[in-house]
Protein backbone atom coordinates (compact mmCIF):
# COMPACT_ATOMS: atom_id res chain seq x y z
CA UNK A 1 0.00 0.00 0.00
CA UNK A 2 1.35 3.41 -0.97
CA UNK A 3 1.29 6.32 1.45
CA UNK A 4 2.84 9.77 1.73
CA UNK A 5 4.82 10.51 4.88
CA UNK A 6 6.42 13.93 5.40
CA UNK A 7 9.23 14.67 7.84
CA UNK A 8 9.89 17.93 9.67
CA UNK A 9 12.68 17.78 12.25
CA UNK A 10 15.61 19.57 13.83
CA UNK A 11 17.90 16.61 13.06
CA UNK A 12 20.00 18.49 10.48
CA UNK A 13 21.84 16.92 7.56
CA UNK A 14 25.25 16.33 9.12
CA UNK A 15 24.32 13.14 10.96
CA UNK A 16 22.52 9.87 10.21
CA UNK A 17 19.38 10.62 12.24
CA UNK A 18 17.13 11.39 9.26
CA UNK A 19 18.37 8.31 7.40
CA UNK A 20 17.58 6.12 10.42
CA UNK A 21 14.01 7.44 10.54
CA UNK A 22 13.57 6.75 6.82
CA UNK A 23 15.10 3.30 7.16
CA UNK A 24 12.57 2.31 9.83
CA UNK A 25 9.66 3.57 7.72
CA UNK A 26 10.82 1.78 4.57
CA UNK A 27 11.47 -1.46 6.42
CA UNK A 28 7.82 -1.53 7.48
CA UNK A 29 6.39 -0.07 4.26
CA UNK A 30 8.84 -0.24 1.33
CA UNK A 31 6.29 1.49 -0.90
CA UNK A 32 5.92 4.57 1.27
CA UNK A 33 6.67 7.92 -0.34
CA UNK A 34 8.77 10.00 2.06
CA UNK A 35 8.95 13.76 1.58
CA UNK A 36 11.43 15.93 3.49
CA UNK A 37 9.79 19.20 4.45
CA UNK A 38 12.63 20.56 6.59
CA UNK A 39 15.42 19.16 8.76
CA UNK A 40 17.11 22.50 9.46
CA UNK A 41 14.74 23.65 12.20
CA UNK A 42 16.91 25.29 14.83
CA UNK A 43 17.59 22.77 17.62
CA UNK A 44 14.64 22.45 20.02
CA UNK A 45 12.83 25.35 18.31
CA UNK A 46 9.23 24.22 18.70
CA UNK A 47 7.77 27.50 17.46
CA UNK A 48 9.72 27.43 14.19
CA UNK A 49 8.64 23.86 13.46
CA UNK A 50 5.01 24.72 14.23
CA UNK A 51 5.08 27.62 11.79
CA UNK A 52 6.85 25.68 9.02
CA UNK A 53 4.37 22.78 9.03
CA UNK A 54 1.47 25.24 9.06
CA UNK A 55 2.64 26.81 5.78
CA UNK A 56 2.94 23.59 3.78
CA UNK A 57 0.62 20.80 4.92
CA UNK A 58 -2.35 22.02 2.88
CA UNK A 59 -0.42 21.43 -0.36
CA UNK A 60 -0.32 17.67 0.18
CA UNK A 61 -2.97 15.12 -0.83
CA UNK A 62 -5.71 14.21 1.60
CA UNK A 63 -4.60 11.49 3.99
CA UNK A 64 -0.93 12.51 4.07
CA UNK A 65 0.90 11.61 7.28
CA UNK A 66 2.97 14.48 8.66
CA UNK A 67 5.68 13.58 11.19
CA UNK A 68 6.90 16.63 13.14
CA UNK A 69 9.69 15.81 15.58
CA UNK A 70 11.22 18.72 17.47
CA UNK A 71 11.28 17.24 20.91
CA UNK A 72 13.22 18.82 23.79
CA UNK A 73 11.23 16.61 26.19
CA UNK A 74 12.11 13.30 24.54
CA UNK A 75 12.25 10.53 27.13
CA UNK A 76 10.15 12.47 29.64
CA UNK A 77 6.48 12.03 30.52
CA UNK A 78 5.28 14.18 27.63
CA UNK A 79 2.79 12.38 25.39
CA UNK A 80 3.39 11.25 21.81
CA UNK A 81 0.39 12.16 19.67
CA UNK A 82 -1.52 11.30 16.55
CA UNK A 83 -3.76 14.20 15.57
CA UNK A 84 -6.34 13.31 12.94
CA UNK A 85 -8.02 16.14 11.03
CA UNK A 86 -10.40 16.05 8.07
CA UNK A 87 -7.47 16.12 5.65
CA UNK A 88 -4.37 14.65 7.29
CA UNK A 89 -2.68 12.83 10.14
CA UNK A 90 -0.04 14.56 12.28
CA UNK A 91 2.43 12.72 14.52
CA UNK A 92 4.26 14.84 17.06
CA UNK A 93 5.17 15.21 20.72
CA UNK A 94 2.58 16.98 22.86
CA UNK A 95 4.70 20.10 23.27
CA UNK A 96 2.82 22.73 21.29
CA UNK A 97 4.37 21.94 17.90
CA UNK A 98 0.87 21.36 16.47
CA UNK A 99 -0.53 24.66 17.78
CA UNK A 100 -1.03 26.25 14.35
CA UNK A 101 -2.72 23.10 13.07
CA UNK A 102 -5.13 23.09 16.01
CA UNK A 103 -5.84 26.80 15.48
CA UNK A 104 -6.57 26.16 11.81
CA UNK A 105 -9.04 23.33 12.29
CA UNK A 106 -10.76 24.54 15.47
CA UNK A 107 -14.21 26.04 15.28
CA UNK A 108 -13.66 28.06 18.46
CA UNK A 109 -10.89 30.67 18.85
CA UNK A 110 -7.52 29.48 20.10
CA UNK A 111 -5.40 31.38 22.59
CA UNK A 112 -3.75 34.45 21.07
CA UNK A 113 -0.86 36.68 22.09
CA UNK A 114 0.88 39.89 21.03
CA UNK A 115 4.26 38.19 21.21
CA UNK A 116 5.95 34.84 20.76
CA UNK A 117 5.44 32.72 23.85
CA UNK A 118 5.76 29.03 24.54
CA UNK A 119 3.56 29.31 27.59
CA UNK A 120 1.76 26.03 26.98
CA UNK A 121 -1.86 25.52 27.90
CA UNK A 122 -4.02 22.43 27.83
CA UNK A 123 -6.71 22.88 25.19
CA UNK A 124 -9.85 20.81 24.83
CA UNK A 125 -10.30 19.53 21.29
CA UNK A 126 -13.57 19.81 19.45
CA UNK A 127 -15.31 17.17 17.41
CA UNK A 128 -13.50 18.25 14.25
CA UNK A 129 -10.25 16.57 15.31
CA UNK A 130 -9.25 13.37 17.06
CA UNK A 131 -6.14 12.95 19.20
CA UNK A 132 -4.58 9.63 20.18
CA UNK A 133 -1.98 9.19 22.89
CA UNK A 134 0.52 6.73 21.35
CA UNK A 135 0.95 4.09 24.06
CA UNK A 136 0.77 0.71 22.30
CA UNK A 137 4.34 -0.67 22.11
CA UNK A 138 3.25 -3.29 19.56
CA UNK A 139 3.91 -0.70 16.86
CA UNK A 140 7.23 0.61 18.19
CA UNK A 141 10.80 -0.14 17.22
CA UNK A 142 12.49 -2.23 19.92
CA UNK A 143 14.34 -1.44 22.04
CA UNK A 144 13.11 2.14 22.37
CA UNK A 145 15.84 4.69 22.92
CA UNK A 146 15.01 7.37 25.49
CA UNK A 147 16.73 9.92 23.25
CA UNK A 148 15.39 9.00 19.79
CA UNK A 149 11.62 8.63 19.72
CA UNK A 150 11.65 9.97 16.17
CA UNK A 151 13.19 6.70 15.04
CA UNK A 152 11.69 4.28 17.55
CA UNK A 153 8.12 5.55 18.01
CA UNK A 154 7.08 8.17 15.47
CA UNK A 155 8.68 6.52 12.43
CA UNK A 156 7.19 3.03 12.88
CA UNK A 157 3.77 4.42 13.84
CA UNK A 158 3.79 6.57 10.69
CA UNK A 159 4.71 3.54 8.62
CA UNK A 160 1.92 1.41 10.06
CA UNK A 161 -0.56 4.24 9.55
CA UNK A 162 0.50 4.38 5.89
CA UNK A 163 -0.35 0.68 5.66
CA UNK A 164 -3.88 1.40 6.84
CA UNK A 165 -3.72 0.47 10.54
CA UNK A 166 -6.58 2.42 12.26
CA UNK A 167 -5.54 5.21 14.60
CA UNK A 168 -7.31 3.63 17.59
CA UNK A 169 -4.87 0.72 17.49
CA UNK A 170 -2.01 2.93 18.66
CA UNK A 171 -3.45 4.08 21.97
CA UNK A 172 -6.37 5.74 23.66
CA UNK A 173 -8.25 8.79 22.49
CA UNK A 174 -7.58 11.95 24.48
CA UNK A 175 -9.58 15.16 24.51
CA UNK A 176 -6.90 17.70 25.43
CA UNK A 177 -3.46 18.55 24.07
CA UNK A 178 -0.98 21.34 24.76
CA UNK A 179 -0.81 24.45 22.58
CA UNK A 180 0.95 27.80 22.78
CA UNK A 181 -0.84 31.11 22.09
CA UNK A 182 -0.77 32.09 18.41
CA UNK A 183 0.93 35.48 17.93
CA UNK A 184 -1.51 37.83 16.17
CA UNK A 185 -1.05 41.44 15.08
CA UNK A 186 -3.13 44.14 16.73
CA UNK A 187 -4.14 47.73 16.02
CA UNK A 188 -2.90 50.47 18.32
CA UNK A 189 -4.70 53.69 19.30
CA UNK A 190 -3.33 55.48 16.21
CA UNK A 191 -4.61 52.94 13.71
CA UNK A 192 -1.23 51.30 13.17
CA UNK A 193 -1.00 47.53 12.78
CA UNK A 194 1.59 46.14 15.18
CA UNK A 195 3.01 42.76 14.20
CA UNK A 196 6.23 40.85 14.58
CA UNK A 197 8.67 38.67 12.68
CA UNK A 198 7.54 35.04 12.81
CA UNK A 199 10.22 33.44 10.69
CA UNK A 200 13.41 34.19 8.76
CA UNK A 201 13.72 32.00 5.69
CA UNK A 202 16.90 30.76 4.04
CA UNK A 203 17.00 33.83 1.76
CA UNK A 204 16.97 36.17 4.74
CA UNK A 205 13.38 37.30 4.10
CA UNK A 206 11.57 38.44 7.24
CA UNK A 207 8.13 36.82 7.37
CA UNK A 208 5.74 38.63 9.68
CA UNK A 209 2.48 37.57 11.32
CA UNK A 210 0.60 40.29 9.38
CA UNK A 211 -1.53 38.71 6.67
CA UNK A 212 -2.73 40.28 3.44
CA UNK A 213 -6.25 40.17 4.90
CA UNK A 214 -5.10 42.47 7.72
CA UNK A 215 -4.24 45.21 5.21
CA UNK A 216 -6.90 47.42 3.67
CA UNK A 217 -4.47 49.06 1.25
CA UNK A 218 -0.93 48.83 -0.08
CA UNK A 219 -0.56 52.56 0.58
CA UNK A 220 1.34 52.02 3.82
CA UNK A 221 4.64 52.54 5.56
CA UNK A 222 6.32 49.48 7.06
CA UNK A 223 8.71 50.22 9.90
CA UNK A 224 11.26 47.96 11.54
CA UNK A 225 13.53 49.69 14.03
CA UNK A 226 14.89 52.84 12.39
CA UNK A 227 14.09 51.62 8.88
CA UNK A 228 10.95 52.52 6.94
CA UNK A 229 9.67 51.05 3.68
CA UNK A 230 7.11 52.95 1.64
CA UNK A 231 4.48 50.84 -0.06
CA UNK A 232 4.15 47.13 -0.80
CA UNK A 233 5.72 45.69 -3.94
CA UNK A 234 4.09 42.99 -6.05
CA UNK A 235 7.22 40.88 -6.67
CA UNK A 236 10.91 40.75 -5.72
CA UNK A 237 12.34 42.25 -8.91
CA UNK A 238 10.07 45.27 -8.69
CA UNK A 239 12.16 47.09 -6.12
CA UNK A 240 15.72 47.84 -5.07
CA UNK A 241 17.19 47.50 -1.62
CA UNK A 242 14.68 46.98 1.17
CA UNK A 243 11.13 46.21 0.11
CA UNK A 244 7.93 44.78 1.47
CA UNK A 245 5.62 42.36 -0.31
CA UNK A 246 3.02 39.70 0.32
CA UNK A 247 4.78 36.33 0.24
CA UNK A 248 3.51 33.07 -1.19
CA UNK A 249 1.85 32.07 2.09
CA UNK A 250 -0.12 35.30 2.38
CA UNK A 251 2.05 36.95 5.03
CA UNK A 252 3.64 40.38 4.76
CA UNK A 253 7.40 39.96 4.45
CA UNK A 254 10.39 42.28 4.31
CA UNK A 255 13.07 41.48 1.75
CA UNK A 256 16.28 42.93 0.36
CA UNK A 257 16.85 42.82 -3.38
CA UNK A 258 19.64 40.34 -4.18
CA UNK A 259 20.55 40.08 -0.53
CA UNK A 260 19.40 39.22 2.98
CA UNK A 261 17.04 41.55 4.83
CA UNK A 262 17.88 39.75 8.07
CA UNK A 263 21.58 40.56 7.66
CA UNK A 264 21.02 44.14 6.53
CA UNK A 265 18.64 44.92 9.39
CA UNK A 266 20.24 42.64 11.99
CA UNK A 267 16.70 41.40 12.53
CA UNK A 268 15.53 38.54 14.71
CA UNK A 269 12.39 36.50 15.16
CA UNK A 270 10.12 38.38 17.55
CA UNK A 271 11.18 41.89 16.44
CA UNK A 272 8.30 44.36 16.11
CA UNK A 273 7.02 45.45 12.68
CA UNK A 274 4.66 48.44 12.40
CA UNK A 275 2.40 49.13 9.43
CA UNK A 276 0.96 52.66 9.25
CA UNK A 277 -1.26 54.31 6.63
CA UNK A 278 0.37 56.57 4.04
CA UNK A 279 -2.10 58.25 1.74
CA UNK A 280 0.65 60.19 -0.11
CA UNK A 281 2.00 57.12 -1.95
């Protein structure tokens, strides 16, 4: 039986960890299609992994199995989860790494914040999603390493899921998982939209949490520190130097033509970005 399994980890490419995970999957299901989403998540950076998987999972076929392993608590009492939505299965530790997914599929509002915080809260899941606490060792690699659940628990469970094993075979259903508050932009008393940098991609583009739907016009000033950008460009080649545009995932981003905005601005994830009206453009 064919099945698509994606991998998002902080394992990097300089060691054999990713290969070991793939080897376990292919031993159980040699016909599985394995897709690498990202293995360069900064070590233990749960927030970065949560954002990355949120930007890509909707581009995969229905029924895809997404394995997200950024797991500072590996070997501890934290749960290992299967989260089943209407379109996909997600395997991950219960450490907030699926927060954006839960926010996306939940009918009721999720916790929100003006900044980036990993202040985890237990959230009750609605009927639109099912969560399973992975506790059945029948589907684990043996022996199980206390430091490598990606290989010994998440990989074999993903493989068996791709073969059609029902989710209820892997453990008991749970009604609550841990999430962090989703950072949202807000409007200040002067009508400015206050957002922040969510992610810095490999090109040095600064991806903010301000979406195109938050903007009523492109006639704006975008400020970051002492720097100000006038107007929003339509594509990268349209401007020179610093520019702002709406990226492929619908978020406002700050770029630098033929260079890195992150390096030019010495910017970091969490830095404040202000969007203010400018009717003179």
